[in-house]
Each structure stands twice: as structure tokens, then as C-alpha cells.
Amino acid sequence: MEREIEVTRAGADDLEVLLELHREFCTADSHPFDEAVAARAFVPLLADDSRGMVWLVRTTDRPDQVEGYGVVTWGWSIEAGGAESIFDEMYVRRRGTGIGSRAMALIIHEVRRLGLARIYLETESHNEMGRRLYRRLGFVDEDSIWMNLDFRTADDPPIDQTG
């Protein structure tokens, strides 16, 4: 019998378990983990829906244990004609079991009901297994390349006033 997946909205009382799960996510994907930075990012998302939503993932075979979490944040795009979203993070403890793909599908269903134009996600170039999953869920590859300017570490770009 296939286990059932449940996704429920996280609240302020879930911060501790989310930090634990985020630490595991960072370890599994070789990302740096900073608890203070993670807490600063989670707290406003848990307070209200103005920046996005966080979900906890549970299964029927372990209903008292949180198996993972998903985070979707809001954006705005002229190209999309308004509101869009980013599937910022998805992590499940038991990878390769189908929990993550079913949880993502449930979260995407919930986000679609909000009337947003689209949902994006980004993945590391080496994560072909993840991209296969995302394609099965309906995501398509794009020609665009995401770039970033990290305001925490980068200087302001020079401003050329001459022309």
C-alpha cells in the first residue's frame, strides 16, 4: 500500500523543526548553513502570507514525524502579467521514495488556486535527477540563465554618468 502524503501550512510554532530540516537540506546539498540567516528568512514567511508560504510534509506511515518542507515565495512580473512565484525550497528526509514528488504536486496545486501566472524553480546544473522530477511535474527548461548579485558581499556597480 502506498503511503499517503499530507502537506499542511507551517506556522510560527514550527520554526524549530524547520531550522532542523533546513540544516539537513543544506548538508545534503552541500550548501552553507547559518541558523540566524535561516531563522531571519523563515520568520516573516511563518507570520503571514505576504511574502510566500511554507508547508510541512507528513506521511500516513509516520504521522507524528515531519518528513520535510516546501517553500514558495511571491514575485511580480511584467512579462507574466502580474503575480508569479518561486518554488524556493523542497526537502524531504526520505529521498527516492516518491514523498517529495507527491508533496511538490500538492503544493503546486495549492499555489495554482491562488491565481498566480506561473511558478519557477531553480536547480544546480549537476542535479539532472531533480530536473527529471521537475519535468514530470510539468516544469519546462528555459533558455534564460539566472544570475545574481549578492548584496551581502558585492560592492555596488560603478555608475557611469558620461554616457
Protein backbone atom coordinates (compact mmCIF):
# COMPACT_ATOMS: atom_id res chain seq x y z
CA MET A 1 0.00 0.00 0.00
CA GLU A 2 1.36 3.40 -0.98
CA ARG A 3 1.74 5.85 1.88
CA GLU A 4 -0.37 8.97 1.72
CA ILE A 5 1.23 12.39 1.81
CA GLU A 6 -0.14 15.36 3.70
CA VAL A 7 1.09 18.93 3.35
CA THR A 8 -0.01 21.45 5.96
CA ARG A 9 0.79 25.11 6.33
CA ALA A 10 3.60 25.82 8.75
CA GLY A 11 3.20 28.42 11.48
CA ALA A 12 5.41 30.30 13.91
CA ASP A 13 5.45 27.30 16.28
CA ASP A 14 7.16 25.23 13.56
CA LEU A 15 10.33 27.34 13.35
CA GLU A 16 12.47 24.89 15.34
CA VAL A 17 11.61 21.88 13.16
CA LEU A 18 12.04 23.97 10.01
CA LEU A 19 15.53 25.02 11.08
CA GLU A 20 16.39 21.37 11.75
CA LEU A 21 15.08 20.34 8.32
CA HIS A 22 16.82 23.26 6.61
CA ARG A 23 20.11 22.22 8.23
CA GLU A 24 19.61 18.71 6.82
CA PHE A 25 18.76 20.17 3.38
CA CYS A 26 21.94 22.27 3.40
CA THR A 27 24.05 19.28 4.44
CA ALA A 28 22.52 17.02 1.78
CA ASP A 29 23.04 19.60 -0.99
CA SER A 30 26.41 20.92 0.25
CA HIS A 31 25.10 24.43 0.93
CA PRO A 32 26.38 26.52 3.83
CA PHE A 33 24.02 26.63 6.80
CA ASP A 34 23.65 29.66 9.05
CA GLU A 35 20.89 29.28 11.63
CA ALA A 36 20.48 33.02 12.19
CA VAL A 37 20.13 33.69 8.45
CA ALA A 38 17.66 30.82 8.05
CA ALA A 39 15.58 31.98 11.03
CA ARG A 40 15.54 35.54 9.67
CA ALA A 41 14.22 34.17 6.37
CA PHE A 42 11.62 31.80 7.84
CA VAL A 43 10.08 34.10 10.47
CA PRO A 44 8.30 36.53 8.09
CA LEU A 45 7.07 33.62 5.95
CA LEU A 46 5.57 31.98 9.02
CA ALA A 47 3.97 35.22 10.25
CA ASP A 48 1.70 35.85 7.25
CA ASP A 49 1.30 35.14 3.52
CA SER A 50 2.59 38.48 2.20
CA ARG A 51 5.98 37.06 1.13
CA GLY A 52 5.11 33.43 0.49
CA MET A 53 4.08 30.19 2.20
CA VAL A 54 5.78 27.30 3.97
CA TRP A 55 4.38 23.77 4.13
CA LEU A 56 5.29 20.80 6.31
CA VAL A 57 5.24 17.32 4.80
CA ARG A 58 3.99 14.27 6.71
CA THR A 59 3.10 10.72 5.72
CA THR A 60 0.43 8.34 6.98
CA ASP A 61 3.04 5.76 7.99
CA ARG A 62 4.75 8.30 10.31
CA PRO A 63 2.06 10.90 11.10
CA ASP A 64 3.85 12.35 14.15
CA GLN A 65 7.10 13.00 12.27
CA VAL A 66 7.67 15.88 9.88
CA GLU A 67 9.23 14.36 6.76
CA GLY A 68 10.13 17.59 5.03
CA TYR A 69 9.11 21.05 3.97
CA GLY A 70 8.42 23.19 0.94
CA VAL A 71 8.70 26.95 0.48
CA VAL A 72 7.06 29.06 -2.23
CA THR A 73 7.66 32.81 -2.38
CA TRP A 74 5.90 35.54 -4.36
CA GLY A 75 7.17 37.75 -7.13
CA TRP A 76 5.81 40.10 -9.75
CA SER A 77 6.48 40.10 -13.48
CA ILE A 78 5.52 42.39 -16.31
CA GLU A 79 6.16 39.53 -18.73
CA ALA A 80 3.78 37.25 -16.79
CA GLY A 81 1.21 39.99 -16.42
CA GLY A 82 1.35 40.08 -12.65
CA ALA A 83 1.92 37.75 -9.73
CA GLU A 84 4.16 34.72 -10.05
CA SER A 85 6.00 32.52 -7.61
CA ILE A 86 9.26 30.71 -6.98
CA PHE A 87 9.39 27.22 -5.55
CA ASP A 88 12.29 28.23 -3.35
CA GLU A 89 12.99 25.01 -1.45
CA MET A 90 11.73 21.45 -1.24
CA TYR A 91 13.32 18.92 1.07
CA VAL A 92 12.25 15.51 2.28
CA ARG A 93 14.20 13.24 4.57
CA ARG A 94 13.41 10.02 2.71
CA ARG A 95 14.64 10.83 -0.79
CA GLY A 96 13.84 8.49 -3.64
CA THR A 97 10.58 7.29 -2.06
CA GLY A 98 8.14 9.47 -4.00
CA ILE A 99 7.35 11.61 -0.96
CA GLY A 100 8.99 14.70 -2.44
CA SER A 101 7.32 14.47 -5.84
CA ARG A 102 3.86 13.94 -4.34
CA ALA A 103 4.40 16.74 -1.82
CA MET A 104 5.52 19.11 -4.60
CA ALA A 105 2.44 18.22 -6.65
CA LEU A 106 0.18 19.00 -3.67
CA ILE A 107 1.93 22.32 -3.01
CA ILE A 108 1.78 23.28 -6.70
CA HIS A 109 -1.95 22.52 -6.65
CA GLU A 110 -2.40 24.83 -3.65
CA VAL A 111 -0.36 27.63 -5.25
CA ARG A 112 -2.23 27.34 -8.57
CA ARG A 113 -5.50 28.01 -6.72
CA LEU A 114 -4.15 31.44 -5.73
CA GLY A 115 -4.39 32.66 -9.34
CA LEU A 116 -0.72 33.29 -9.97
CA ALA A 117 0.53 33.31 -13.54
CA ARG A 118 3.35 30.79 -13.09
CA ILE A 119 5.82 29.16 -10.76
CA TYR A 120 9.56 28.98 -11.24
CA LEU A 121 12.26 26.95 -9.62
CA GLU A 122 16.00 26.81 -9.98
CA THR A 123 18.28 23.86 -9.64
CA GLU A 124 22.00 23.31 -9.72
CA SER A 125 23.46 22.35 -13.09
CA HIS A 126 24.62 18.95 -11.77
CA ASN A 127 21.13 17.97 -10.49
CA GLU A 128 19.80 16.08 -13.52
CA MET A 129 17.77 13.73 -11.30
CA GLY A 130 15.95 16.75 -9.83
CA ARG A 131 15.28 18.17 -13.31
CA ARG A 132 13.73 14.88 -14.42
CA LEU A 133 11.37 15.09 -11.44
CA TYR A 134 10.52 18.73 -12.17
CA ARG A 135 9.79 17.92 -15.83
CA ARG A 136 7.42 15.13 -14.73
CA LEU A 137 5.61 17.73 -12.62
CA GLY A 138 5.19 19.97 -15.68
CA PHE A 139 8.15 22.35 -15.41
CA VAL A 140 9.94 23.12 -18.67
CA ASP A 141 13.56 24.08 -19.32
CA GLU A 142 14.13 27.67 -20.36
CA ASP A 143 16.82 29.38 -22.38
CA SER A 144 17.22 32.10 -19.78
CA ILE A 145 20.09 31.87 -17.32
CA TRP A 146 19.62 33.07 -13.78
CA MET A 147 22.30 35.38 -12.45
CA ASN A 148 22.59 37.05 -9.06
CA LEU A 149 24.27 39.95 -7.39
CA ASP A 150 24.64 39.18 -3.69
CA PHE A 151 24.11 42.49 -1.89
CA ARG A 152 25.57 41.00 1.28
CA THR A 153 29.02 40.58 -0.28
CA ALA A 154 29.23 42.57 -3.53
CA ASP A 155 30.06 46.22 -3.94
CA ASP A 156 27.69 48.48 -5.83
CA PRO A 157 28.39 48.51 -9.55
CA PRO A 158 30.10 51.62 -10.87
CA ILE A 159 27.69 54.23 -12.26
CA ASP A 160 28.91 55.79 -15.48
CA GLN A 161 27.33 59.25 -15.75
CA THR A 162 29.11 60.08 -19.01
CA GLY A 163 27.10 58.16 -21.35
